[in-house]
PDB file of N, CA and C in Angstrom:
ATOM      1  N   MET A   1      21.339 -10.742  23.525  1.00  0.00           N
ATOM      2  CA  MET A   1      21.366  -9.723  23.224  1.00  0.00           C
ATOM      3  C   MET A   1      21.852  -8.449  22.656  1.00  0.00           C
ATOM      4  N   GLY A   2      20.872  -7.864  21.419  1.00  0.00           N
ATOM      5  CA  GLY A   2      21.601  -7.244  20.610  1.00  0.00           C
ATOM      6  C   GLY A   2      21.571  -5.844  20.863  1.00  0.00           C
ATOM      7  N   ASP A   3      22.271  -4.691  20.208  1.00  0.00           N
ATOM      8  CA  ASP A   3      22.767  -2.957  20.476  1.00  0.00           C
ATOM      9  C   ASP A   3      21.412  -1.885  20.231  1.00  0.00           C
ATOM     10  N   LYS A   4      20.766  -3.194  19.101  1.00  0.00           N
ATOM     11  CA  LYS A   4      19.443  -2.091  19.030  1.00  0.00           C
ATOM     12  C   LYS A   4      18.825  -3.092  19.090  1.00  0.00           C
ATOM     13  N   HIS A   5      17.118  -1.663  19.249  1.00  0.00           N
ATOM     14  CA  HIS A   5      15.805  -2.018  19.891  1.00  0.00           C
ATOM     15  C   HIS A   5      14.813  -1.751  18.993  1.00  0.00           C
ATOM     16  N   LEU A   6      13.813  -2.832  18.205  1.00  0.00           N
ATOM     17  CA  LEU A   6      12.412  -1.881  18.165  1.00  0.00           C
ATOM     18  C   LEU A   6      11.282  -2.301  17.865  1.00  0.00           C
ATOM     19  N   GLN A   7      10.645  -1.728  18.843  1.00  0.00           N
ATOM     20  CA  GLN A   7       9.539  -2.104  19.243  1.00  0.00           C
ATOM     21  C   GLN A   7       8.958  -1.699  18.242  1.00  0.00           C
ATOM     22  N   ASN A   8       7.398  -2.475  18.273  1.00  0.00           N
ATOM     23  CA  ASN A   8       5.872  -1.915  16.951  1.00  0.00           C
ATOM     24  C   ASN A   8       4.777  -2.173  18.366  1.00  0.00           C
ATOM     25  N   PHE A   9       4.590  -1.262  17.740  1.00  0.00           N
ATOM     26  CA  PHE A   9       2.297  -1.395  18.936  1.00  0.00           C
ATOM     27  C   PHE A   9       1.049  -0.431  18.091  1.00  0.00           C
ATOM     28  N   PHE A  10       0.577  -1.325  17.759  1.00  0.00           N
ATOM     29  CA  PHE A  10       0.303  -1.038  16.643  1.00  0.00           C
ATOM     30  C   PHE A  10      -1.495  -1.510  16.996  1.00  0.00           C
ATOM     31  N   GLY A  11      -2.190  -0.176  17.254  1.00  0.00           N
ATOM     32  CA  GLY A  11      -3.485  -0.037  16.975  1.00  0.00           C
ATOM     33  C   GLY A  11      -4.115   0.502  16.372  1.00  0.00           C
ATOM     34  N   LYS A  12      -5.640   0.355  16.214  1.00  0.00           N
ATOM     35  CA  LYS A  12      -6.852   0.692  15.190  1.00  0.00           C
ATOM     36  C   LYS A  12      -6.298   1.429  14.023  1.00  0.00           C
ATOM     37  N   ASN A  13      -5.529   2.872  14.016  1.00  0.00           N
ATOM     38  CA  ASN A  13      -5.812   3.997  13.006  1.00  0.00           C
ATOM     39  C   ASN A  13      -3.835   4.935  13.710  1.00  0.00           C
ATOM     40  N   THR A  14      -3.479   3.686  14.713  1.00  0.00           N
ATOM     41  CA  THR A  14      -2.528   4.646  14.904  1.00  0.00           C
ATOM     42  C   THR A  14      -1.403   3.823  15.096  1.00  0.00           C
ATOM     43  N   SER A  15      -0.157   3.673  14.998  1.00  0.00           N
ATOM     44  CA  SER A  15       0.972   2.997  15.625  1.00  0.00           C
ATOM     45  C   SER A  15       1.817   3.856  15.586  1.00  0.00           C
ATOM     46  N   MET A  16       2.965   2.967  16.828  1.00  0.00           N
ATOM     47  CA  MET A  16       3.735   3.514  17.457  1.00  0.00           C
ATOM     48  C   MET A  16       5.588   2.704  17.217  1.00  0.00           C
ATOM     49  N   PHE A  17       6.531   3.115  17.354  1.00  0.00           N
ATOM     50  CA  PHE A  17       7.758   2.536  17.356  1.00  0.00           C
ATOM     51  C   PHE A  17       7.806   2.832  18.148  1.00  0.00           C
ATOM     52  N   VAL A  18       9.244   2.724  18.825  1.00  0.00           N
ATOM     53  CA  VAL A  18      10.072   2.340  20.261  1.00  0.00           C
ATOM     54  C   VAL A  18      11.482   2.263  19.267  1.00  0.00           C
ATOM     55  N   GLN A  19      12.425   2.862  19.294  1.00  0.00           N
ATOM     56  CA  GLN A  19      13.384   2.733  18.387  1.00  0.00           C
ATOM     57  C   GLN A  19      14.481   3.564  19.260  1.00  0.00           C
ATOM     58  N   SER A  20      15.663   2.021  19.499  1.00  0.00           N
ATOM     59  CA  SER A  20      17.469   2.467  20.027  1.00  0.00           C
ATOM     60  C   SER A  20      18.755   2.206  19.150  1.00  0.00           C
ATOM     61  N   THR A  21      18.505   3.485  18.430  1.00  0.00           N
ATOM     62  CA  THR A  21      20.028   3.109  18.284  1.00  0.00           C
ATOM     63  C   THR A  21      21.478   2.541  18.878  1.00  0.00           C
ATOM     64  N   SER A  22      21.330   2.449  19.487  1.00  0.00           N
ATOM     65  CA  SER A  22      22.096   1.847  20.851  1.00  0.00           C
ATOM     66  C   SER A  22      22.181   2.069  21.959  1.00  0.00           C
ATOM     67  N   LYS A  23      22.702   0.436  22.452  1.00  0.00           N
ATOM     68  CA  LYS A  23      22.449   0.748  24.252  1.00  0.00           C
ATOM     69  C   LYS A  23      23.242   1.486  24.899  1.00  0.00           C
ATOM     70  N   LEU A  24      24.479   2.490  24.716  1.00  0.00           N
ATOM     71  CA  LEU A  24      24.195   3.069  24.774  1.00  0.00           C
ATOM     72  C   LEU A  24      24.756   4.575  24.733  1.00  0.00           C
ATOM     73  N   ASP A  25      23.607   4.974  23.838  1.00  0.00           N
ATOM     74  CA  ASP A  25      23.278   6.880  23.387  1.00  0.00           C
ATOM     75  C   ASP A  25      21.971   6.915  24.445  1.00  0.00           C
ATOM     76  N   PRO A  26      21.753   7.832  25.880  1.00  0.00           N
ATOM     77  CA  PRO A  26      20.907   8.365  26.195  1.00  0.00           C
ATOM     78  C   PRO A  26      19.850   8.997  25.858  1.00  0.00           C
ATOM     79  N   PHE A  27      19.719   7.774  24.534  1.00  0.00           N
ATOM     80  CA  PHE A  27      18.245   8.695  24.083  1.00  0.00           C
ATOM     81  C   PHE A  27      17.268   7.650  23.222  1.00  0.00           C
ATOM     82  N   LEU A  28      16.334   7.857  22.950  1.00  0.00           N
ATOM     83  CA  LEU A  28      15.446   6.585  22.020  1.00  0.00           C
ATOM     84  C   LEU A  28      14.246   7.346  20.642  1.00  0.00           C
ATOM     85  N   PHE A  29      14.114   6.563  20.117  1.00  0.00           N
ATOM     86  CA  PHE A  29      12.739   8.012  19.394  1.00  0.00           C
ATOM     87  C   PHE A  29      11.822   6.486  19.287  1.00  0.00           C
ATOM     88  N   LEU A  30      11.016   7.861  19.715  1.00  0.00           N
ATOM     89  CA  LEU A  30       9.674   7.492  19.022  1.00  0.00           C
ATOM     90  C   LEU A  30       8.547   8.096  18.267  1.00  0.00           C
ATOM     91  N   GLN A  31       8.340   7.121  16.998  1.00  0.00           N
ATOM     92  CA  GLN A  31       7.898   7.500  15.840  1.00  0.00           C
ATOM     93  C   GLN A  31       6.130   6.993  15.385  1.00  0.00           C
ATOM     94  N   PHE A  32       5.448   7.975  15.039  1.00  0.00           N
ATOM     95  CA  PHE A  32       3.647   7.036  14.828  1.00  0.00           C
ATOM     96  C   PHE A  32       4.180   7.918  13.310  1.00  0.00           C
ATOM     97  N   ILE A  33       2.165   6.753  12.986  1.00  0.00           N
ATOM     98  CA  ILE A  33       2.325   6.845  11.713  1.00  0.00           C
ATOM     99  C   ILE A  33       0.462   6.599  12.228  1.00  0.00           C
ATOM    100  N   THR A  34      -0.597   6.791  11.003  1.00  0.00           N
ATOM    101  CA  THR A  34      -1.839   7.224  11.236  1.00  0.00           C
ATOM    102  C   THR A  34      -2.194   6.233   9.588  1.00  0.00           C
ATOM    103  N   LYS A  35      -2.949   5.615  10.358  1.00  0.00           N
ATOM    104  CA  LYS A  35      -4.032   5.245   8.853  1.00  0.00           C
ATOM    105  C   LYS A  35      -4.728   6.254   8.133  1.00  0.00           C
ATOM    106  N   LYS A  36      -4.563   6.377   6.932  1.00  0.00           N
ATOM    107  CA  LYS A  36      -4.928   7.267   6.410  1.00  0.00           C
ATOM    108  C   LYS A  36      -6.528   7.201   6.001  1.00  0.00           C
ATOM    109  N   LYS A  37      -7.589   7.673   5.222  1.00  0.00           N
ATOM    110  CA  LYS A  37      -8.680   7.712   5.242  1.00  0.00           C
ATOM    111  C   LYS A  37      -8.629   6.720   4.361  1.00  0.00           C
ATOM    112  N   ASN A  38      -7.327   6.773   3.529  1.00  0.00           N
ATOM    113  CA  ASN A  38      -8.298   5.682   2.499  1.00  0.00           C
ATOM    114  C   ASN A  38      -7.933   4.163   2.729  1.00  0.00           C
ATOM    115  N   GLY A  39      -7.071   3.691   3.836  1.00  0.00           N
ATOM    116  CA  GLY A  39      -7.336   2.466   5.199  1.00  0.00           C
ATOM    117  C   GLY A  39      -5.494   2.213   4.662  1.00  0.00           C
ATOM    118  N   VAL A  40      -4.474   2.538   3.826  1.00  0.00           N
ATOM    119  CA  VAL A  40      -3.292   2.830   4.086  1.00  0.00           C
ATOM    120  C   VAL A  40      -2.294   3.604   5.270  1.00  0.00           C
ATOM    121  N   TRP A  41      -1.699   2.535   5.320  1.00  0.00           N
ATOM    122  CA  TRP A  41      -0.924   3.386   6.624  1.00  0.00           C
ATOM    123  C   TRP A  41       0.110   4.497   6.047  1.00  0.00           C
ATOM    124  N   GLU A  42       0.472   5.116   7.078  1.00  0.00           N
ATOM    125  CA  GLU A  42       1.480   6.619   6.666  1.00  0.00           C
ATOM    126  C   GLU A  42       2.292   5.442   6.249  1.00  0.00           C
ATOM    127  N   LYS A  43       3.742   6.319   5.164  1.00  0.00           N
ATOM    128  CA  LYS A  43       4.552   5.669   5.245  1.00  0.00           C
ATOM    129  C   LYS A  43       6.096   6.451   5.593  1.00  0.00           C
ATOM    130  N   PRO A  44       6.566   5.041   7.136  1.00  0.00           N
ATOM    131  CA  PRO A  44       7.896   6.806   7.307  1.00  0.00           C
ATOM    132  C   PRO A  44       9.634   6.766   6.225  1.00  0.00           C
ATOM    133  N   SER A  45       9.284   5.363   5.470  1.00  0.00           N
ATOM    134  CA  SER A  45      10.342   5.440   4.098  1.00  0.00           C
ATOM    135  C   SER A  45       9.606   7.618   3.064  1.00  0.00           C
ATOM    136  N   SER A  46       8.748   7.309   3.440  1.00  0.00           N
ATOM    137  CA  SER A  46       8.709   8.611   2.438  1.00  0.00           C
ATOM    138  C   SER A  46       8.054   9.744   3.028  1.00  0.00           C
ATOM    139  N   GLY A  47       8.593   9.968   4.482  1.00  0.00           N
ATOM    140  CA  GLY A  47       8.951  11.067   5.053  1.00  0.00           C
ATOM    141  C   GLY A  47       7.761  10.825   5.912  1.00  0.00           C
ATOM    142  N   GLU A  48       6.318  10.777   5.412  1.00  0.00           N
ATOM    143  CA  GLU A  48       5.188  10.448   6.455  1.00  0.00           C
ATOM    144  C   GLU A  48       5.111   9.961   8.044  1.00  0.00           C
ATOM    145  N   GLY A  49       4.447  11.019   8.697  1.00  0.00           N
ATOM    146  CA  GLY A  49       4.141   9.950  10.675  1.00  0.00           C
ATOM    147  C   GLY A  49       5.339  10.763  11.324  1.00  0.00           C
ATOM    148  N   LEU A  50       4.716  11.055  12.228  1.00  0.00           N
ATOM    149  CA  LEU A  50       6.020  11.543  12.913  1.00  0.00           C
ATOM    150  C   LEU A  50       7.775  10.979  13.967  1.00  0.00           C
ATOM    151  N   ARG A  51       9.236  11.851  13.572  1.00  0.00           N
ATOM    152  CA  ARG A  51       9.292  10.627  14.785  1.00  0.00           C
ATOM    153  C   ARG A  51      10.134  11.458  16.044  1.00  0.00           C
ATOM    154  N   LEU A  52      10.058  11.526  16.831  1.00  0.00           N
ATOM    155  CA  LEU A  52      11.129  12.008  17.781  1.00  0.00           C
ATOM    156  C   LEU A  52      11.474  11.388  18.449  1.00  0.00           C
ATOM    157  N   ARG A  53      12.563  12.265  19.045  1.00  0.00           N
ATOM    158  CA  ARG A  53      14.058  12.000  19.853  1.00  0.00           C
ATOM    159  C   ARG A  53      13.517  12.241  21.351  1.00  0.00           C
ATOM    160  N   CYS A  54      13.933  11.342  22.131  1.00  0.00           N
ATOM    161  CA  CYS A  54      13.784  11.289  23.321  1.00  0.00           C
ATOM    162  C   CYS A  54      14.909  11.090  24.325  1.00  0.00           C
ATOM    163  N   ASN A  55      15.371  11.925  25.232  1.00  0.00           N
ATOM    164  CA  ASN A  55      15.977  11.770  26.586  1.00  0.00           C
ATOM    165  C   ASN A  55      15.919  11.548  27.747  1.00  0.00           C
ATOM    166  N   LEU A  56      16.687  10.503  28.191  1.00  0.00           N
ATOM    167  CA  LEU A  56      16.477   9.853  29.518  1.00  0.00           C
ATOM    168  C   LEU A  56      15.783  10.376  30.007  1.00  0.00           C
ATOM    169  N   ASP A  57      15.403  11.822  30.521  1.00  0.00           N
ATOM    170  CA  ASP A  57      14.564  12.922  31.609  1.00  0.00           C
ATOM    171  C   ASP A  57      13.440  12.382  31.034  1.00  0.00           C
ATOM    172  N   GLU A  58      13.481  12.336  29.839  1.00  0.00           N
ATOM    173  CA  GLU A  58      11.674  12.411  28.992  1.00  0.00           C
ATOM    174  C   GLU A  58      11.037  11.010  29.496  1.00  0.00           C
ATOM    175  N   ILE A  59      11.961  10.113  28.664  1.00  0.00           N
ATOM    176  CA  ILE A  59      11.887   8.620  28.874  1.00  0.00           C
ATOM    177  C   ILE A  59      11.423   8.342  30.245  1.00  0.00           C
ATOM    178  N   ILE A  60      12.080   8.421  31.613  1.00  0.00           N
ATOM    179  CA  ILE A  60      11.468   8.679  32.942  1.00  0.00           C
ATOM    180  C   ILE A  60      10.851   8.657  33.440  1.00  0.00           C
ATOM    181  N   MET A  61      10.569  10.417  32.335  1.00  0.00           N
ATOM    182  CA  MET A  61       9.192  10.475  33.364  1.00  0.00           C
ATOM    183  C   MET A  61       8.298  10.024  32.350  1.00  0.00           C
ATOM    184  N   ILE A  62       8.242   9.934  31.298  1.00  0.00           N
ATOM    185  CA  ILE A  62       7.158   8.343  30.468  1.00  0.00           C
ATOM    186  C   ILE A  62       6.597   7.002  31.486  1.00  0.00           C
ATOM    187  N   LYS A  63       7.552   6.432  31.545  1.00  0.00           N
ATOM    188  CA  LYS A  63       7.778   5.872  32.695  1.00  0.00           C
ATOM    189  C   LYS A  63       6.599   6.333  33.990  1.00  0.00           C
ATOM    190  N   GLU A  64       7.352   6.479  34.551  1.00  0.00           N
ATOM    191  CA  GLU A  64       6.751   7.166  35.679  1.00  0.00           C
ATOM    192  C   GLU A  64       5.102   7.166  35.845  1.00  0.00           C
ATOM    193  N   VAL A  65       4.670   7.678  34.068  1.00  0.00           N
ATOM    194  CA  VAL A  65       3.163   7.859  33.960  1.00  0.00           C
ATOM    195  C   VAL A  65       2.305   6.756  33.699  1.00  0.00           C
ATOM    196  N   LEU A  66       2.908   5.597  33.677  1.00  0.00           N
ATOM    197  CA  LEU A  66       2.903   4.770  32.758  1.00  0.00           C
ATOM    198  C   LEU A  66       3.011   3.568  34.311  1.00  0.00           C
ATOM    199  N   LYS A  67       3.677   4.248  35.134  1.00  0.00           N
ATOM    200  CA  LYS A  67       3.079   3.446  36.570  1.00  0.00           C
ATOM    201  C   LYS A  67       2.245   4.040  37.607  1.00  0.00           C
ATOM    202  N   GLY A  68       1.680   4.545  37.351  1.00  0.00           N
ATOM    203  CA  GLY A  68       0.611   5.537  38.282  1.00  0.00           C
ATOM    204  C   GLY A  68       1.250   6.053  38.764  1.00  0.00           C
ATOM    205  N   LYS A  69       2.607   6.628  38.684  1.00  0.00           N
ATOM    206  CA  LYS A  69       3.331   8.103  39.818  1.00  0.00           C
ATOM    207  C   LYS A  69       2.428   9.803  39.472  1.00  0.00           C
ATOM    208  N   PHE A  70       2.596   9.315  38.310  1.00  0.00           N
ATOM    209  CA  PHE A  70       2.616  10.384  37.912  1.00  0.00           C
ATOM    210  C   PHE A  70       0.464  10.242  37.211  1.00  0.00           C
ATOM    211  N   LYS A  71      -0.116  11.505  37.051  1.00  0.00           N
ATOM    212  CA  LYS A  71      -1.629  11.064  36.390  1.00  0.00           C
ATOM    213  C   LYS A  71      -1.287  11.684  35.313  1.00  0.00           C
ATOM    214  N   SER A  72      -0.772  13.094  34.803  1.00  0.00           N
ATOM    215  CA  SER A  72       0.040  13.063  33.702  1.00  0.00           C
ATOM    216  C   SER A  72       1.132  14.455  33.079  1.00  0.00           C
ATOM    217  N   TRP A  73       1.856  13.927  32.249  1.00  0.00           N
ATOM    218  CA  TRP A  73       3.012  14.751  31.864  1.00  0.00           C
ATOM    219  C   TRP A  73       3.156  15.620  30.375  1.00  0.00           C
ATOM    220  N   SER A  74       3.900  16.524  30.468  1.00  0.00           N
ATOM    221  CA  SER A  74       3.456  16.457  29.007  1.00  0.00           C
ATOM    222  C   SER A  74       5.260  17.400  28.536  1.00  0.00           C
ATOM    223  N   THR A  75       5.108  17.695  27.502  1.00  0.00           N
ATOM    224  CA  THR A  75       7.009  18.336  27.353  1.00  0.00           C
ATOM    225  C   THR A  75       6.039  19.100  25.975  1.00  0.00           C
ATOM    226  N   LYS A  76       7.617  19.191  25.220  1.00  0.00           N
ATOM    227  CA  LYS A  76       7.795  20.212  23.838  1.00  0.00           C
ATOM    228  C   LYS A  76       8.852  20.124  22.951  1.00  0.00           C
ATOM    229  N   LEU A  77       8.801  19.429  22.152  1.00  0.00           N
ATOM    230  CA  LEU A  77       9.777  18.607  21.970  1.00  0.00           C
ATOM    231  C   LEU A  77      10.026  19.421  20.446  1.00  0.00           C
ATOM    232  N   THR A  78      11.348  19.458  19.687  1.00  0.00           N
ATOM    233  CA  THR A  78      11.495  20.313  17.967  1.00  0.00           C
ATOM    234  C   THR A  78      11.461  18.684  17.321  1.00  0.00           C
ATOM    235  N   PHE A  79      10.576  18.990  16.063  1.00  0.00           N
ATOM    236  CA  PHE A  79      10.729  18.094  15.163  1.00  0.00           C
ATOM    237  C   PHE A  79      10.268  19.043  13.482  1.00  0.00           C
ATOM    238  N   LYS A  80      11.227  18.721  12.982  1.00  0.00           N
ATOM    239  CA  LYS A  80      11.432  19.369  11.974  1.00  0.00           C
ATOM    240  C   LYS A  80      11.281  20.654  11.958  1.00  0.00           C
ATOM    241  N   GLY A  81      12.420  20.629  12.846  1.00  0.00           N
ATOM    242  CA  GLY A  81      12.006  23.019  13.158  1.00  0.00           C
ATOM    243  C   GLY A  81      10.685  23.919  13.931  1.00  0.00           C
ATOM    244  N   LYS A  82       9.861  22.047  13.465  1.00  0.00           N
ATOM    245  CA  LYS A  82       8.289  22.869  14.545  1.00  0.00           C
ATOM    246  C   LYS A  82       8.280  22.456  16.053  1.00  0.00           C
ATOM    247  N   ASP A  83       8.159  23.151  16.351  1.00  0.00           N
ATOM    248  CA  ASP A  83       7.967  22.483  18.227  1.00  0.00           C
ATOM    249  C   ASP A  83       6.418  21.507  18.510  1.00  0.00           C
ATOM    250  N   VAL A  84       6.455  20.243  18.685  1.00  0.00           N
ATOM    251  CA  VAL A  84       5.894  19.469  18.523  1.00  0.00           C
ATOM    252  C   VAL A  84       5.228  18.775  21.015  1.00  0.00           C
ATOM    253  N   GLY A  85       3.978  19.048  20.807  1.00  0.00           N
ATOM    254  CA  GLY A  85       3.631  18.757  21.949  1.00  0.00           C
ATOM    255  C   GLY A  85       3.721  17.761  22.012  1.00  0.00           C
ATOM    256  N   ILE A  86       4.123  16.725  23.378  1.00  0.00           N
ATOM    257  CA  ILE A  86       4.033  15.077  23.911  1.00  0.00           C
ATOM    258  C   ILE A  86       2.853  15.562  25.055  1.00  0.00           C
ATOM    259  N   ALA A  87       1.829  14.897  25.382  1.00  0.00           N
ATOM    260  CA  ALA A  87       1.256  14.775  27.064  1.00  0.00           C
ATOM    261  C   ALA A  87       0.896  12.763  27.107  1.00  0.00           C
ATOM    262  N   LEU A  88       0.537  12.870  28.325  1.00  0.00           N
ATOM    263  CA  LEU A  88       0.177  11.691  28.877  1.00  0.00           C
ATOM    264  C   LEU A  88      -0.203  12.157  29.797  1.00  0.00           C
ATOM    265  N   LYS A  89      -1.817  11.697  29.685  1.00  0.00           N
ATOM    266  CA  LYS A  89      -2.979  11.470  30.815  1.00  0.00           C
ATOM    267  C   LYS A  89      -3.933  10.321  31.029  1.00  0.00           C
ATOM    268  N   TRP A  90      -3.493  10.285  32.549  1.00  0.00           N
ATOM    269  CA  TRP A  90      -4.453   8.203  32.467  1.00  0.00           C
ATOM    270  C   TRP A  90      -5.881   9.851  32.614  1.00  0.00           C
ATOM    271  N   ASP A  91      -6.637   8.840  31.935  1.00  0.00           N
ATOM    272  CA  ASP A  91      -8.416   8.457  31.493  1.00  0.00           C
ATOM    273  C   ASP A  91      -9.513   8.676  32.613  1.00  0.00           C
ATOM    274  N   ASP A  92      -9.851   9.937  33.019  1.00  0.00           N
ATOM    275  CA  ASP A  92     -11.297   9.541  34.480  1.00  0.00           C
ATOM    276  C   ASP A  92     -11.723   8.565  34.234  1.00  0.00           C
ATOM    277  N   ASN A  93     -11.833   8.667  33.142  1.00  0.00           N
ATOM    278  CA  ASN A  93     -13.570   7.513  32.616  1.00  0.00           C
ATOM    279  C   ASN A  93     -13.765   6.509  32.521  1.00  0.00           C
ATOM    280  N   SER A  94     -12.299   6.108  32.117  1.00  0.00           N
ATOM    281  CA  SER A  94     -12.086   4.341  31.733  1.00  0.00           C
ATOM    282  C   SER A  94     -10.790   4.650  32.307  1.00  0.00           C
ATOM    283  N   LYS A  95     -10.592   3.615  33.389  1.00  0.00           N
ATOM    284  CA  LYS A  95      -9.601   2.631  34.459  1.00  0.00           C
ATOM    285  C   LYS A  95      -9.071   1.917  33.574  1.00  0.00           C
ATOM    286  N   GLY A  96      -7.395   2.199  33.475  1.00  0.00           N
ATOM    287  CA  GLY A  96      -6.262   1.268  32.815  1.00  0.00           C
ATOM    288  C   GLY A  96      -6.681   2.415  31.365  1.00  0.00           C
ATOM    289  N   ARG A  97      -6.883   3.678  31.023  1.00  0.00           N
ATOM    290  CA  ARG A  97      -6.757   3.535  29.878  1.00  0.00           C
ATOM    291  C   ARG A  97      -5.912   5.073  29.386  1.00  0.00           C
ATOM    292  N   ILE A  98      -4.832   5.033  29.363  1.00  0.00           N
ATOM    293  CA  ILE A  98      -4.183   6.518  28.915  1.00  0.00           C
ATOM    294  C   ILE A  98      -4.595   6.705  27.798  1.00  0.00           C
ATOM    295  N   LEU A  99      -4.403   8.084  28.135  1.00  0.00           N
ATOM    296  CA  LEU A  99      -4.747   9.128  26.338  1.00  0.00           C
ATOM    297  C   LEU A  99      -3.337   9.837  26.428  1.00  0.00           C
TER     298      LEU A  99
END
């Protein structure tokens, strides 16, 4: 098992990357890219997309929502000097779907 990890999750129009830089760091990075109207994915290497650093408290809350302990959770993080809101919420109309 390595010291760093990277896991990708691709959807139709959005992709999420979960990255840990070291197993000793108390945080991980969440990166999101979307497919442009021309069908080409945003390129993180060109500064496109959104990259957020989540601390242990935020990671735990995300896990608790995914486990179903909480119906929703939200917070604000700073990305490139701007406040970015993150919200997780179970979809009431679709069993097993998270928004």
